[in-house]
Protein backbone atom coordinates (compact mmCIF):
# COMPACT_ATOMS: atom_id res chain seq x y z
CA MET A 1 -9.79 22.73 -163.44
CA MET A 2 -10.44 19.10 -162.67
CA GLN A 3 -7.48 18.13 -164.83
CA ASN A 4 -5.17 19.81 -162.34
CA HIS A 5 -6.00 17.08 -159.78
CA LYS A 6 -4.37 13.62 -159.94
CA ALA A 7 -6.69 10.65 -159.98
CA GLY A 8 -5.41 9.11 -156.79
CA SER A 9 -4.95 12.26 -154.73
CA PRO A 10 -8.38 12.38 -152.99
CA LEU A 11 -7.76 8.87 -151.53
CA ALA A 12 -4.44 9.68 -149.83
CA PRO A 13 -5.87 11.50 -146.82
CA ALA A 14 -8.42 8.77 -146.27
CA ASN A 15 -5.72 6.06 -146.24
CA GLY A 16 -3.64 8.07 -143.82
CA TYR A 17 -6.62 8.55 -141.53
CA TYR A 18 -7.41 4.89 -141.42
CA GLY A 19 -3.78 4.01 -140.79
CA ARG A 20 -3.69 6.22 -137.73
CA SER A 21 -6.93 4.69 -136.43
CA ASP A 22 -5.52 1.16 -136.62
CA ALA A 23 -2.40 2.22 -134.70
CA GLU A 24 -4.49 3.94 -132.05
CA ALA A 25 -6.74 0.90 -131.79
CA ASP A 26 -3.72 -1.36 -131.33
CA THR A 27 -2.35 0.97 -128.67
CA ALA A 28 -5.71 1.06 -126.86
CA PHE A 29 -5.94 -2.74 -127.01
CA SER A 30 -2.44 -3.05 -125.59
CA ASP A 31 -3.26 -0.65 -122.76
CA ASP A 32 -6.44 -2.59 -121.94
CA GLU A 33 -4.53 -5.85 -121.96
CA LEU A 34 -1.88 -4.44 -119.64
CA ARG A 35 -4.57 -3.20 -117.27
CA ARG A 36 -6.21 -6.63 -117.31
CA GLN A 37 -2.89 -8.32 -116.61
CA LYS A 38 -2.23 -5.96 -113.72
CA ARG A 39 -5.71 -6.64 -112.31
CA LYS A 40 -5.10 -10.39 -112.54
CA LYS A 41 -1.78 -10.01 -110.74
CA TRP A 42 -3.35 -7.94 -107.96
CA ILE A 43 -6.16 -10.47 -107.59
CA LEU A 44 -3.61 -13.28 -107.35
CA TYR A 45 -1.62 -11.29 -104.78
CA ILE A 46 -4.76 -10.68 -102.72
CA ILE A 47 -5.77 -14.35 -102.88
CA ALA A 48 -2.26 -15.45 -101.88
CA PHE A 49 -2.26 -12.95 -99.00
CA VAL A 50 -5.66 -14.15 -97.76
CA ILE A 51 -4.51 -17.78 -97.90
CA PHE A 52 -1.30 -16.89 -96.05
CA GLN A 53 -3.19 -14.95 -93.40
CA THR A 54 -5.67 -17.80 -92.98
CA ALA A 55 -2.84 -20.29 -92.56
CA VAL A 56 -1.11 -18.03 -90.00
CA ILE A 57 -4.34 -17.59 -88.03
CA ALA A 58 -5.04 -21.34 -88.12
CA LEU A 59 -1.50 -22.14 -86.96
CA PHE A 60 -1.72 -19.48 -84.27
CA SER A 61 -5.05 -20.89 -83.07
CA MET A 62 -3.74 -24.46 -82.97
CA THR A 63 -0.51 -23.59 -81.14
CA VAL A 64 -0.34 -20.32 -79.26
CA MET A 65 -4.06 -19.93 -78.57
CA LYS A 66 -4.75 -23.57 -77.71
CA PHE A 67 -5.40 -24.18 -74.02
CA ARG A 68 -3.72 -27.37 -72.82
CA THR A 69 -4.19 -29.22 -69.55
CA PRO A 70 -1.03 -29.06 -67.38
CA LYS A 71 0.47 -32.30 -66.05
CA PHE A 72 0.85 -32.91 -62.31
CA ARG A 73 3.40 -35.56 -61.32
CA ILE A 74 5.54 -36.93 -58.48
CA LEU A 75 9.14 -36.74 -59.64
CA SER A 76 11.26 -38.06 -56.76
CA ALA A 77 11.48 -38.32 -52.97
CA THR A 78 13.82 -38.81 -50.03
CA PHE A 79 13.16 -40.22 -46.55
CA PRO A 80 14.80 -38.38 -43.63
CA THR A 81 12.85 -40.61 -41.22
CA PHE A 82 12.47 -44.31 -41.97
CA ASP A 83 10.96 -46.71 -39.46
CA VAL A 84 9.69 -50.09 -40.66
CA GLN A 85 8.63 -52.96 -38.37
CA THR A 86 8.21 -56.42 -39.82
CA SER A 87 7.49 -58.42 -36.65
CA ASN A 88 4.51 -56.22 -35.80
CA PRO A 89 3.96 -54.97 -39.37
CA SER A 90 3.86 -51.20 -39.50
CA PHE A 91 5.73 -48.26 -41.00
CA ASN A 92 6.37 -44.67 -40.04
CA LEU A 93 8.07 -42.67 -42.78
CA LYS A 94 8.71 -39.00 -43.34
CA MET A 95 8.92 -38.35 -47.06
CA ASN A 96 10.17 -35.19 -48.73
CA ALA A 97 8.68 -35.36 -52.21
CA THR A 98 9.52 -33.33 -55.29
CA LEU A 99 6.49 -32.67 -57.47
CA GLY A 100 6.27 -31.19 -60.94
CA VAL A 101 3.57 -29.12 -62.63
CA LYS A 102 4.37 -29.16 -66.35
CA ASN A 103 2.73 -26.28 -68.24
CA THR A 104 2.93 -26.52 -72.04
CA ASN A 105 0.72 -23.46 -72.63
CA PHE A 106 1.94 -20.17 -74.11
CA GLY A 107 0.93 -18.46 -70.89
CA PRO A 108 1.24 -18.99 -67.11
CA TYR A 109 -0.84 -21.49 -65.14
CA LYS A 110 -1.90 -20.21 -61.72
CA PHE A 111 -3.14 -22.97 -59.43
CA ASP A 112 -4.86 -23.05 -56.04
CA ASN A 113 -3.97 -24.88 -52.83
CA THR A 114 -4.04 -28.61 -53.55
CA THR A 115 -4.37 -31.59 -51.23
CA ILE A 116 -2.57 -34.84 -52.06
CA LEU A 117 -3.70 -38.11 -50.48
CA PHE A 118 -1.45 -41.16 -50.15
CA TYR A 119 -2.79 -44.72 -49.83
CA TYR A 120 -1.53 -48.15 -49.00
CA ASN A 121 -3.78 -50.96 -50.22
CA GLY A 122 -6.77 -48.61 -50.30
CA THR A 123 -6.18 -47.17 -46.82
CA GLN A 124 -5.14 -43.55 -46.46
CA VAL A 125 -1.70 -43.33 -44.86
CA GLY A 126 -0.67 -39.73 -45.52
CA ILE A 127 -1.72 -36.28 -46.66
CA ALA A 128 0.23 -33.34 -48.07
CA THR A 129 -0.66 -29.82 -49.16
CA VAL A 130 0.68 -27.91 -52.15
CA ARG A 131 0.45 -24.15 -51.69
CA LYS A 132 -0.97 -22.06 -54.49
CA SER A 133 1.62 -20.88 -56.96
CA LYS A 134 2.28 -20.43 -60.68
CA ALA A 135 3.90 -22.46 -63.43
CA ASN A 136 5.33 -20.13 -66.07
CA PHE A 137 4.57 -20.64 -69.75
CA ARG A 138 6.14 -23.71 -71.34
CA SER A 139 8.01 -24.71 -68.20
CA THR A 140 7.81 -27.12 -65.26
CA LYS A 141 7.23 -25.76 -61.77
CA LYS A 142 8.95 -27.93 -59.16
CA LEU A 143 7.42 -28.11 -55.71
CA GLU A 144 8.75 -29.57 -52.47
CA VAL A 145 6.30 -31.08 -49.98
CA ALA A 146 6.76 -33.07 -46.79
CA VAL A 147 4.37 -35.85 -45.82
CA ASP A 148 4.20 -38.30 -42.94
CA LEU A 149 3.33 -41.83 -44.06
CA ALA A 150 2.25 -44.13 -41.27
CA THR A 151 0.10 -47.19 -40.66
CA LEU A 152 -0.36 -49.74 -37.92
CA ALA A 153 -1.28 -53.40 -38.15
CA ASN A 154 -5.02 -53.51 -38.66
CA GLY A 155 -7.09 -56.53 -39.55
CA ALA A 156 -7.42 -56.94 -43.32
CA ASN A 157 -4.20 -55.11 -44.17
CA SER A 158 -1.93 -56.70 -41.56
CA GLN A 159 -1.14 -59.93 -43.44
CA GLN A 160 -0.62 -58.11 -46.73
CA LEU A 161 1.49 -55.46 -45.00
CA ALA A 162 3.64 -58.11 -43.35
CA SER A 163 4.17 -59.77 -46.72
CA ASP A 164 5.05 -56.48 -48.46
CA LEU A 165 7.47 -55.38 -45.75
CA SER A 166 9.15 -58.79 -45.73
CA SER A 167 9.62 -58.57 -49.50
CA GLY A 168 11.21 -55.14 -49.09
CA ILE A 169 8.72 -53.41 -51.40
CA LEU A 170 5.97 -51.17 -50.02
CA PRO A 171 3.48 -50.17 -52.76
CA LEU A 172 1.75 -46.81 -52.45
CA THR A 173 -0.62 -44.72 -54.53
CA SER A 174 -1.42 -41.02 -54.50
CA THR A 175 -4.26 -38.89 -55.88
CA ALA A 176 -5.01 -35.18 -56.12
CA GLU A 177 -6.91 -32.67 -58.22
CA MET A 178 -5.27 -29.34 -58.90
CA LYS A 179 -7.50 -26.45 -60.01
CA GLY A 180 -6.22 -23.33 -61.68
CA LYS A 181 -6.39 -20.95 -64.61
CA VAL A 182 -4.32 -20.51 -67.77
CA THR A 183 -3.80 -16.97 -69.10
CA ILE A 184 -2.66 -16.43 -72.70
CA MET A 185 -1.53 -13.06 -74.05
CA PHE A 186 -2.44 -11.43 -70.72
CA MET A 187 -6.16 -11.38 -71.60
CA PHE A 188 -7.48 -14.79 -72.64
CA LYS A 189 -8.20 -16.93 -69.58
CA LYS A 190 -9.55 -20.43 -69.11
CA LYS A 191 -9.99 -22.62 -66.07
CA LYS A 192 -7.96 -25.82 -66.19
CA SER A 193 -7.87 -28.70 -63.72
CA THR A 194 -5.26 -31.43 -63.69
CA LYS A 195 -5.21 -34.68 -61.75
CA LEU A 196 -2.37 -36.46 -60.05
CA ASP A 197 -2.78 -40.23 -60.16
CA CYS A 198 0.45 -42.04 -59.35
CA SER A 199 1.61 -45.43 -58.16
CA MET A 200 5.02 -45.96 -56.61
CA GLU A 201 7.11 -48.31 -54.52
CA VAL A 202 9.15 -47.65 -51.40
CA ASN A 203 12.18 -49.94 -51.31
CA THR A 204 12.58 -50.66 -47.59
CA LYS A 205 16.08 -52.07 -48.11
CA THR A 206 17.58 -49.13 -50.04
CA LYS A 207 15.20 -46.61 -48.41
CA ALA A 208 14.42 -45.12 -51.80
CA LEU A 209 11.38 -44.36 -53.92
CA GLN A 210 11.22 -46.32 -57.17
CA ASN A 211 8.94 -47.24 -60.10
CA VAL A 212 6.94 -44.01 -59.95
CA LYS A 213 4.22 -44.21 -62.60
CA CYS A 214 1.71 -41.42 -63.17
CA LYS A 215 -1.25 -41.44 -65.54
């Protein structure tokens, strides 16, 4: 009966079995490799997304969410009343000044009533009041104020005043501190104060304000 079987026939099934196992192993390896590649891609996507989000948040914090101090300046002025005496050195001026509150924040700046003092050679010669208001986000609020500027000859200032009026240039300075609050995104609020510190010249010949310099 054993002669009816060929010598190599018992090995055929075994070779076929092992051949199928190698193919399945290759397929399983390929599937694992694909899964690993997909995981790597997802990890890279997540890392890139986190970096992008971090950059966006940092940029947002440094721009939109940054609270900046507004700038308070004298922009220009006119003089509807202009009385200057050189013989008995004195001046009596009515000045209509245009002021600017520059707000570079991404939110409005609401400020309180503010008092502005004007000086000649260290002596106060005028006072003006800015009413409370609001400078919208990233804009300049222009304000109009009227102030009477007046001085009489008085001791230490009289000689200097006579010299300034004769030269046609009357130097003045002004100071103020404006207090207010910046609101960003309707919910984040921070108190911000800004100072006005300006020097200027009144040209008594042209009756104009010139050389306005603010710190």
